[in-house]
């Protein structure tokens, strides 16, 4: 009978043999510190939880109805010693948890540059972090390494013991970048840039994925992260440079379209301004960038009449793109492509036979703007944004 009990217990524990304790067995120092914080917090909480569970069973057994030897004291209402234990122990645990949480929040801040690569090895002053620009697409991951001028889809490599600095964004919906064995999870949001610092201390191949649901292809939004020695990393970069494909704007716009289960793709070169254009939501050629719009708003904006002169940041990238003039969506919209300096605008005007040269006090006129009135323009009160010539399409 005893052997049967052990056999049944073994059957219950058998499914645990297939568990992969990635979070509890990290390959990077940041993930290791996060694991330690989990273990310390759990241990502190068990100081209360375990005695409570044991005492619950003990009290139920000791004061059961059939136990006539248990003392009966209906007038008992207070014990200083018991009150001290009930209040002091949880208070000390809360203080300890608060201290560990405060230190962990600041020392493991994803925006904080690393001060060490392992528990016994600080970051050397002459070591430059590996910059990796991360773009969450539907439904795949794009990695750009500006230092080496290469990019990859659904695959990333990094040398061991070298700090990694991630710049993370998204193209359409919110995602979450997560390599459990490397560092914590950080969100990727369109029109924004988040940061994450991490390091890998052991060679190997690890799983990375999106930990935030983002649509139909979410389950296949996975990639492989390779921790390599320096020679292996140099070979990976050389393999990427040997690719016959380059990541320019047209190639990126095709890659941006929704797709699932994309194979690994390496790019030999990358448009150096592509990532900033993605963050500013203007990867489409000729589209005004978000930082340009913010600069206009900072100087007073274009006013209500000028709303129609700019292409919105949020647009139907899948339906209208490539539809062309005369489609069911109508002709392509006209808008202000960008803001140029006064000198550039005057130079372009001189080069055009049909466009007369305008001075800086001439009111602008374009699609969506009503004809200027006959009132004189006061140059001292005119917004600098409105006094700067615009190029309209």
Protein backbone atom coordinates (compact mmCIF):
# COMPACT_ATOMS: atom_id res chain seq x y z
CA UNK A 1 0.00 0.00 0.00
CA UNK A 2 2.84 2.35 0.85
CA UNK A 3 4.54 1.62 -2.48
CA UNK A 4 1.30 2.39 -4.28
CA UNK A 5 1.11 5.80 -2.64
CA UNK A 6 4.66 6.63 -3.73
CA UNK A 7 3.86 5.45 -7.25
CA UNK A 8 0.78 7.69 -7.46
CA UNK A 9 2.78 10.62 -6.09
CA UNK A 10 5.39 10.04 -8.78
CA UNK A 11 2.71 10.10 -11.46
CA UNK A 12 1.47 13.45 -10.16
CA UNK A 13 5.00 14.91 -10.25
CA UNK A 14 5.82 13.47 -13.67
CA UNK A 15 4.32 16.40 -15.68
CA UNK A 16 6.72 18.74 -13.88
CA UNK A 17 9.62 17.03 -15.64
CA UNK A 18 8.65 18.83 -18.85
CA UNK A 19 8.78 22.28 -17.28
CA UNK A 20 11.45 24.71 -18.47
CA UNK A 21 12.51 26.89 -15.54
CA UNK A 22 13.79 29.68 -17.80
CA UNK A 23 12.96 32.55 -15.45
CA UNK A 24 14.55 30.69 -12.53
CA UNK A 25 17.62 29.65 -14.56
CA UNK A 26 18.60 32.84 -16.45
CA UNK A 27 21.64 33.34 -18.66
CA UNK A 28 21.98 37.08 -17.99
CA UNK A 29 22.88 39.08 -14.88
CA UNK A 30 19.79 41.31 -15.02
CA UNK A 31 17.47 38.32 -15.22
CA UNK A 32 19.45 36.67 -12.39
CA UNK A 33 18.89 39.69 -10.14
CA UNK A 34 15.19 39.64 -10.98
CA UNK A 35 15.09 35.93 -10.08
CA UNK A 36 16.77 36.67 -6.75
CA UNK A 37 14.22 39.40 -6.04
CA UNK A 38 11.40 36.90 -6.69
CA UNK A 39 12.97 34.30 -4.38
CA UNK A 40 13.66 36.79 -1.58
CA UNK A 41 10.13 38.23 -1.75
CA UNK A 42 8.59 34.75 -1.80
CA UNK A 43 10.71 33.65 1.16
CA UNK A 44 9.75 36.69 3.21
CA UNK A 45 6.06 36.12 2.57
CA UNK A 46 6.36 32.42 3.46
CA UNK A 47 7.50 33.46 6.95
CA UNK A 48 3.85 34.31 7.60
CA UNK A 49 2.12 31.94 5.20
CA UNK A 50 3.72 28.68 6.41
CA UNK A 51 3.02 29.24 10.16
CA UNK A 52 -0.56 30.26 9.38
CA UNK A 53 -1.15 27.12 7.32
CA UNK A 54 0.43 24.90 10.01
CA UNK A 55 -1.45 26.58 12.86
CA UNK A 56 -4.74 26.27 10.96
CA UNK A 57 -4.39 22.49 10.90
CA UNK A 58 -3.06 22.39 14.48
CA UNK A 59 -5.91 24.46 15.91
CA UNK A 60 -8.52 22.44 14.04
CA UNK A 61 -7.05 19.21 15.43
CA UNK A 62 -6.36 20.41 18.98
CA UNK A 63 -9.75 22.07 19.53
CA UNK A 64 -11.90 19.51 17.78
CA UNK A 65 -15.11 18.58 19.54
CA UNK A 66 -13.90 15.09 20.43
CA UNK A 67 -10.82 16.40 22.31
CA UNK A 68 -12.10 16.84 25.88
CA UNK A 69 -8.56 17.52 27.19
CA UNK A 70 -8.26 20.86 25.37
CA UNK A 71 -8.54 23.85 27.76
CA UNK A 72 -11.75 25.84 27.55
CA UNK A 73 -11.54 29.57 28.42
CA UNK A 74 -14.62 31.47 27.16
CA UNK A 75 -13.62 34.69 28.96
CA UNK A 76 -10.20 35.03 27.29
CA UNK A 77 -10.01 38.22 25.21
CA UNK A 78 -6.43 39.54 25.19
CA UNK A 79 -2.79 38.44 25.10
CA UNK A 80 0.00 40.98 24.89
CA UNK A 81 2.49 38.39 23.67
CA UNK A 82 0.13 37.18 20.95
CA UNK A 83 -0.70 40.74 19.83
CA UNK A 84 3.03 41.51 19.62
CA UNK A 85 3.64 38.52 17.37
CA UNK A 86 0.57 39.22 15.21
CA UNK A 87 1.56 42.84 14.53
CA UNK A 88 5.35 42.93 14.82
CA UNK A 89 6.21 40.05 12.49
CA UNK A 90 4.08 41.25 9.52
CA UNK A 91 5.32 44.80 10.08
CA UNK A 92 8.95 43.69 9.90
CA UNK A 93 8.21 41.67 6.77
CA UNK A 94 6.52 44.66 5.10
CA UNK A 95 9.52 46.85 5.94
CA UNK A 96 11.91 44.28 4.47
CA UNK A 97 9.76 43.80 1.34
CA UNK A 98 9.54 47.56 0.87
CA UNK A 99 13.32 47.92 1.11
CA UNK A 100 14.01 45.12 -1.38
CA UNK A 101 11.33 46.39 -3.75
CA UNK A 102 12.65 49.96 -3.61
CA UNK A 103 16.21 48.82 -4.33
CA UNK A 104 15.06 46.48 -7.09
CA UNK A 105 12.92 49.18 -8.70
CA UNK A 106 15.89 51.53 -8.98
CA UNK A 107 18.77 49.13 -9.58
CA UNK A 108 16.80 47.09 -12.13
CA UNK A 109 15.20 50.07 -13.86
CA UNK A 110 15.12 49.07 -17.57
CA UNK A 111 16.21 52.60 -18.54
CA UNK A 112 19.24 52.47 -16.21
CA UNK A 113 22.59 51.67 -17.91
CA UNK A 114 24.26 48.56 -16.50
CA UNK A 115 26.90 48.97 -13.85
CA UNK A 116 28.05 45.35 -14.02
CA UNK A 117 27.93 42.40 -16.40
CA UNK A 118 27.92 39.80 -13.60
CA UNK A 119 28.00 39.62 -9.82
CA UNK A 120 31.82 39.68 -9.84
CA UNK A 121 32.56 41.73 -12.97
CA UNK A 122 31.79 45.45 -13.34
CA UNK A 123 31.36 47.14 -16.70
CA UNK A 124 34.69 48.43 -17.95
CA UNK A 125 34.82 52.10 -18.86
CA UNK A 126 36.03 51.50 -22.42
CA UNK A 127 33.24 49.00 -23.24
CA UNK A 128 30.57 50.41 -25.56
CA UNK A 129 27.08 48.90 -25.24
CA UNK A 130 25.69 47.04 -28.23
CA UNK A 131 22.85 49.17 -29.62
CA UNK A 132 19.87 47.22 -30.92
CA UNK A 133 16.82 48.96 -32.37
CA UNK A 134 13.74 46.76 -31.97
CA UNK A 135 10.55 47.16 -34.03
CA UNK A 136 7.43 45.13 -33.21
CA UNK A 137 5.62 44.47 -36.49
CA UNK A 138 2.43 42.51 -37.25
CA UNK A 139 3.45 39.73 -36.45
CA UNK A 140 7.22 39.57 -36.45
CA UNK A 141 10.24 41.26 -34.89
CA UNK A 142 12.69 43.52 -36.72
CA UNK A 143 16.14 44.11 -35.21
CA UNK A 144 18.45 46.85 -36.47
CA UNK A 145 22.09 47.13 -35.37
CA UNK A 146 23.24 50.64 -36.32
CA UNK A 147 26.84 50.00 -35.22
CA UNK A 148 27.22 47.26 -37.83
CA UNK A 149 24.67 48.52 -40.37
CA UNK A 150 22.79 45.21 -40.51
CA UNK A 151 19.28 44.09 -39.64
CA UNK A 152 17.39 40.85 -39.12
CA UNK A 153 13.86 39.53 -38.83
CA UNK A 154 12.96 37.03 -36.08
CA UNK A 155 16.58 36.48 -35.06
CA UNK A 156 19.01 38.36 -32.84
CA UNK A 157 22.58 37.70 -31.73
CA UNK A 158 24.80 39.35 -29.13
CA UNK A 159 28.24 38.65 -27.64
CA UNK A 160 28.47 37.41 -24.06
CA UNK A 161 29.46 39.83 -21.29
CA UNK A 162 28.79 42.91 -23.42
CA UNK A 163 26.01 45.26 -22.27
CA UNK A 164 23.07 45.54 -24.67
CA UNK A 165 21.04 48.73 -25.04
CA UNK A 166 17.65 48.19 -26.67
CA UNK A 167 15.54 50.97 -28.23
CA UNK A 168 12.06 49.57 -28.71
CA UNK A 169 9.03 50.74 -30.67
CA UNK A 170 6.02 49.34 -32.51
CA UNK A 171 4.30 50.11 -35.81
CA UNK A 172 0.59 49.57 -35.17
CA UNK A 173 -0.48 48.15 -31.79
CA UNK A 174 1.14 47.70 -28.41
CA UNK A 175 3.37 44.67 -27.94
CA UNK A 176 5.78 43.52 -25.23
CA UNK A 177 9.40 42.59 -25.91
CA UNK A 178 10.52 39.71 -23.68
CA UNK A 179 13.54 37.42 -23.56
CA UNK A 180 13.04 35.74 -20.16
CA UNK A 181 16.63 34.53 -19.79
CA UNK A 182 18.07 37.97 -20.67
CA UNK A 183 16.11 40.69 -18.87
CA UNK A 184 12.61 41.78 -17.94
CA UNK A 185 9.67 42.57 -20.18
CA UNK A 186 9.25 46.05 -21.68
CA UNK A 187 6.37 47.34 -23.78
CA UNK A 188 6.67 48.41 -27.42
CA UNK A 189 4.23 51.18 -28.38
CA UNK A 190 3.64 52.98 -31.71
CA UNK A 191 4.88 56.54 -31.86
CA UNK A 192 6.95 56.03 -28.71
CA UNK A 193 10.36 54.66 -27.78
CA UNK A 194 11.07 52.56 -24.71
CA UNK A 195 14.45 51.31 -23.52
CA UNK A 196 15.85 48.15 -21.97
CA UNK A 197 19.35 47.28 -20.82
CA UNK A 198 20.53 43.70 -20.50
CA UNK A 199 23.46 41.33 -20.84
CA UNK A 200 23.93 37.63 -21.61
CA UNK A 201 26.62 35.76 -19.66
CA UNK A 202 26.38 32.28 -21.17
CA UNK A 203 26.45 31.09 -24.77
CA UNK A 204 23.33 29.43 -26.06
CA UNK A 205 20.13 29.91 -28.02
CA UNK A 206 17.17 31.33 -26.12
CA UNK A 207 13.53 32.08 -26.91
CA UNK A 208 12.13 35.57 -27.27
CA UNK A 209 8.52 36.50 -27.88
CA UNK A 210 5.77 39.05 -27.45
CA UNK A 211 4.11 38.72 -24.05
CA UNK A 212 1.21 41.02 -24.91
CA UNK A 213 -1.64 39.88 -27.16
CA UNK A 214 -1.58 41.83 -30.42
CA UNK A 215 -3.92 40.09 -32.83
CA UNK A 216 -4.39 37.00 -34.96
CA UNK A 217 -0.68 36.21 -35.49
CA UNK A 218 0.35 36.78 -31.89
CA UNK A 219 1.13 33.11 -31.16
CA UNK A 220 3.76 33.03 -33.94
CA UNK A 221 5.43 36.29 -32.95
CA UNK A 222 8.58 34.58 -31.69
CA UNK A 223 12.30 34.84 -32.38
CA UNK A 224 15.61 33.24 -31.40
CA UNK A 225 18.21 35.10 -29.36
CA UNK A 226 21.76 33.77 -29.76
CA UNK A 227 24.32 34.39 -27.03
CA UNK A 228 27.68 33.98 -28.79
CA UNK A 229 31.34 34.43 -28.04
CA UNK A 230 33.04 37.29 -29.87
CA UNK A 231 34.17 35.09 -32.75
CA UNK A 232 30.70 33.63 -33.17
CA UNK A 233 29.12 37.08 -33.09
CA UNK A 234 31.56 38.39 -35.70
CA UNK A 235 30.64 35.42 -37.89
CA UNK A 236 26.92 36.19 -37.47
CA UNK A 237 27.48 39.83 -38.50
CA UNK A 238 29.55 38.68 -41.50
CA UNK A 239 26.72 36.34 -42.50
CA UNK A 240 24.28 39.25 -42.36
CA UNK A 241 26.58 41.45 -44.46
CA UNK A 242 26.81 38.68 -47.03
CA UNK A 243 23.05 38.84 -47.59
CA UNK A 244 21.84 40.07 -50.96
CA UNK A 245 18.94 42.06 -49.46
CA UNK A 246 19.06 45.63 -48.15
CA UNK A 247 16.50 47.20 -45.83
CA UNK A 248 15.52 50.46 -47.53
CA UNK A 249 12.20 52.30 -47.24
CA UNK A 250 10.31 50.34 -49.97
CA UNK A 251 11.55 47.03 -48.56
CA UNK A 252 10.48 48.03 -45.06
CA UNK A 253 7.01 49.09 -46.23
CA UNK A 254 6.52 45.64 -47.72
CA UNK A 255 7.83 44.02 -44.53
CA UNK A 256 5.45 46.16 -42.47
CA UNK A 257 2.41 44.46 -43.97
CA UNK A 258 0.70 41.90 -41.76
CA UNK A 259 2.15 38.38 -42.04
CA UNK A 260 2.56 35.33 -39.82
CA UNK A 261 5.34 32.82 -39.33
CA UNK A 262 7.98 34.79 -41.20
CA UNK A 263 11.29 32.95 -41.72
CA UNK A 264 14.55 34.45 -40.52
CA UNK A 265 15.76 37.18 -42.88
CA UNK A 266 19.10 39.01 -42.71
CA UNK A 267 19.77 42.40 -44.33
CA UNK A 268 23.23 43.46 -45.46
CA UNK A 269 22.54 47.18 -45.04
CA UNK A 270 19.91 49.45 -43.49
CA UNK A 271 18.69 52.96 -44.13
CA UNK A 272 20.36 54.81 -41.22
CA UNK A 273 17.31 57.02 -40.70
CA UNK A 274 14.75 54.22 -40.88
CA UNK A 275 14.30 53.57 -37.15
CA UNK A 276 13.79 57.26 -36.30
CA UNK A 277 11.26 57.45 -39.14
CA UNK A 278 9.41 54.44 -37.71
CA UNK A 279 9.29 56.01 -34.25
CA UNK A 280 8.00 59.27 -35.75
CA UNK A 281 5.45 57.36 -37.87
CA UNK A 282 6.74 58.68 -41.19
CA UNK A 283 8.41 55.71 -42.86
CA UNK A 284 6.21 56.36 -45.90
CA UNK A 285 8.20 58.68 -48.21
CA UNK A 286 6.99 62.27 -48.18
CA UNK A 287 4.96 61.91 -44.99
CA UNK A 288 5.39 64.58 -42.33
CA UNK A 289 7.04 63.16 -39.21
CA UNK A 290 5.57 63.36 -35.74
CA UNK A 291 8.51 65.40 -34.42
CA UNK A 292 7.92 67.92 -37.23
CA UNK A 293 4.27 68.21 -36.22
CA UNK A 294 5.29 68.72 -32.60
CA UNK A 295 7.74 71.44 -33.66
CA UNK A 296 4.90 73.21 -35.49
CA UNK A 297 2.62 72.90 -32.46
CA UNK A 298 5.36 74.25 -30.21
CA UNK A 299 5.43 77.43 -32.33
CA UNK A 300 1.69 77.95 -32.33
CA UNK A 301 0.47 75.34 -34.80
CA UNK A 302 -1.18 75.72 -38.19
CA UNK A 303 -4.61 76.54 -36.78
CA UNK A 304 -7.89 74.80 -37.48
CA UNK A 305 -7.73 75.64 -41.18
CA UNK A 306 -4.35 74.00 -41.50
CA UNK A 307 -5.51 70.59 -40.26
CA UNK A 308 -6.29 69.49 -43.83
CA UNK A 309 -2.78 70.49 -44.93
CA UNK A 310 -1.09 67.68 -43.01
CA UNK A 311 -1.37 63.94 -43.48
CA UNK A 312 -2.66 62.41 -40.21
CA UNK A 313 -0.33 60.23 -38.17
CA UNK A 314 -2.91 57.46 -38.03
CA UNK A 315 -3.74 56.27 -41.53
CA UNK A 316 -4.98 53.20 -43.34
CA UNK A 317 -1.59 51.73 -44.19
CA UNK A 318 -2.94 48.48 -45.60
CA UNK A 319 -5.91 49.53 -47.73
CA UNK A 320 -4.95 52.88 -49.25
CA UNK A 321 -1.25 52.17 -49.73
CA UNK A 322 -0.76 51.28 -53.37
CA UNK A 323 -4.43 51.85 -54.24
CA UNK A 324 -3.55 54.72 -56.54
CA UNK A 325 -5.68 57.45 -58.04
CA UNK A 326 -9.18 56.58 -59.15
CA UNK A 327 -9.59 53.64 -56.75
CA UNK A 328 -12.56 53.07 -54.48
CA UNK A 329 -10.72 55.09 -51.86
CA UNK A 330 -10.55 58.12 -54.13
CA UNK A 331 -7.44 59.98 -55.27
CA UNK A 332 -4.33 60.07 -53.16
CA UNK A 333 -4.52 62.84 -50.52
CA UNK A 334 -2.52 66.03 -50.90
CA UNK A 335 -0.74 67.38 -47.88
CA UNK A 336 2.24 69.28 -46.56
CA UNK A 337 5.16 66.88 -46.85
CA UNK A 338 7.56 68.76 -44.61
CA UNK A 339 8.78 72.08 -43.30
CA UNK A 340 11.73 73.73 -44.96
CA UNK A 341 13.80 76.72 -43.95
CA UNK A 342 13.16 80.16 -45.43
CA UNK A 343 16.37 79.99 -47.45
CA UNK A 344 15.44 76.62 -48.91
CA UNK A 345 11.94 77.81 -49.81
CA UNK A 346 13.29 80.92 -51.55
CA UNK A 347 15.85 78.83 -53.44
CA UNK A 348 13.17 76.46 -54.69
CA UNK A 349 11.00 79.38 -55.70
CA UNK A 350 13.81 80.91 -57.76
CA UNK A 351 14.33 77.62 -59.55
CA UNK A 352 10.68 77.46 -60.56
CA UNK A 353 9.49 79.56 -63.53
CA UNK A 354 5.86 79.54 -62.41
CA UNK A 355 6.34 80.22 -58.71
CA UNK A 356 7.16 83.85 -57.86
CA UNK A 357 9.50 84.60 -55.00
CA UNK A 358 7.55 85.45 -51.83
CA UNK A 359 8.76 87.38 -48.85
CA UNK A 360 8.27 86.07 -45.33
CA UNK A 361 5.24 88.28 -44.65
CA UNK A 362 3.12 86.92 -47.52
CA UNK A 363 0.27 84.79 -46.03
CA UNK A 364 0.47 81.13 -46.99
CA UNK A 365 -2.31 79.55 -49.01
CA UNK A 366 -2.99 75.90 -49.76
CA UNK A 367 -5.43 73.00 -49.57
CA UNK A 368 -7.78 73.48 -46.62
CA UNK A 369 -6.86 77.13 -46.03
CA UNK A 370 -9.32 79.87 -46.81
CA UNK A 371 -8.18 82.83 -48.87
CA UNK A 372 -6.36 85.33 -46.69
CA UNK A 373 -8.29 88.46 -45.81
CA UNK A 374 -7.39 91.97 -46.74
CA UNK A 375 -6.17 92.80 -43.25
CA UNK A 376 -2.46 93.66 -43.02
CA UNK A 377 -0.17 91.11 -41.44
CA UNK A 378 1.46 92.09 -38.18
CA UNK A 379 4.92 90.52 -38.27
CA UNK A 380 5.49 91.02 -34.53
CA UNK A 381 2.51 88.87 -33.54
CA UNK A 382 2.58 86.33 -36.36
CA UNK A 383 3.62 82.86 -35.18
CA UNK A 384 7.04 81.89 -36.37
CA UNK A 385 5.56 78.61 -37.62
CA UNK A 386 3.11 80.46 -39.88
CA UNK A 387 5.70 82.92 -41.09
CA UNK A 388 7.91 80.10 -42.36
CA UNK A 389 7.15 79.10 -45.97
CA UNK A 390 5.71 75.63 -46.47
CA UNK A 391 6.00 73.30 -49.46
CA UNK A 392 2.66 71.84 -50.47
CA UNK A 393 1.93 68.86 -52.65
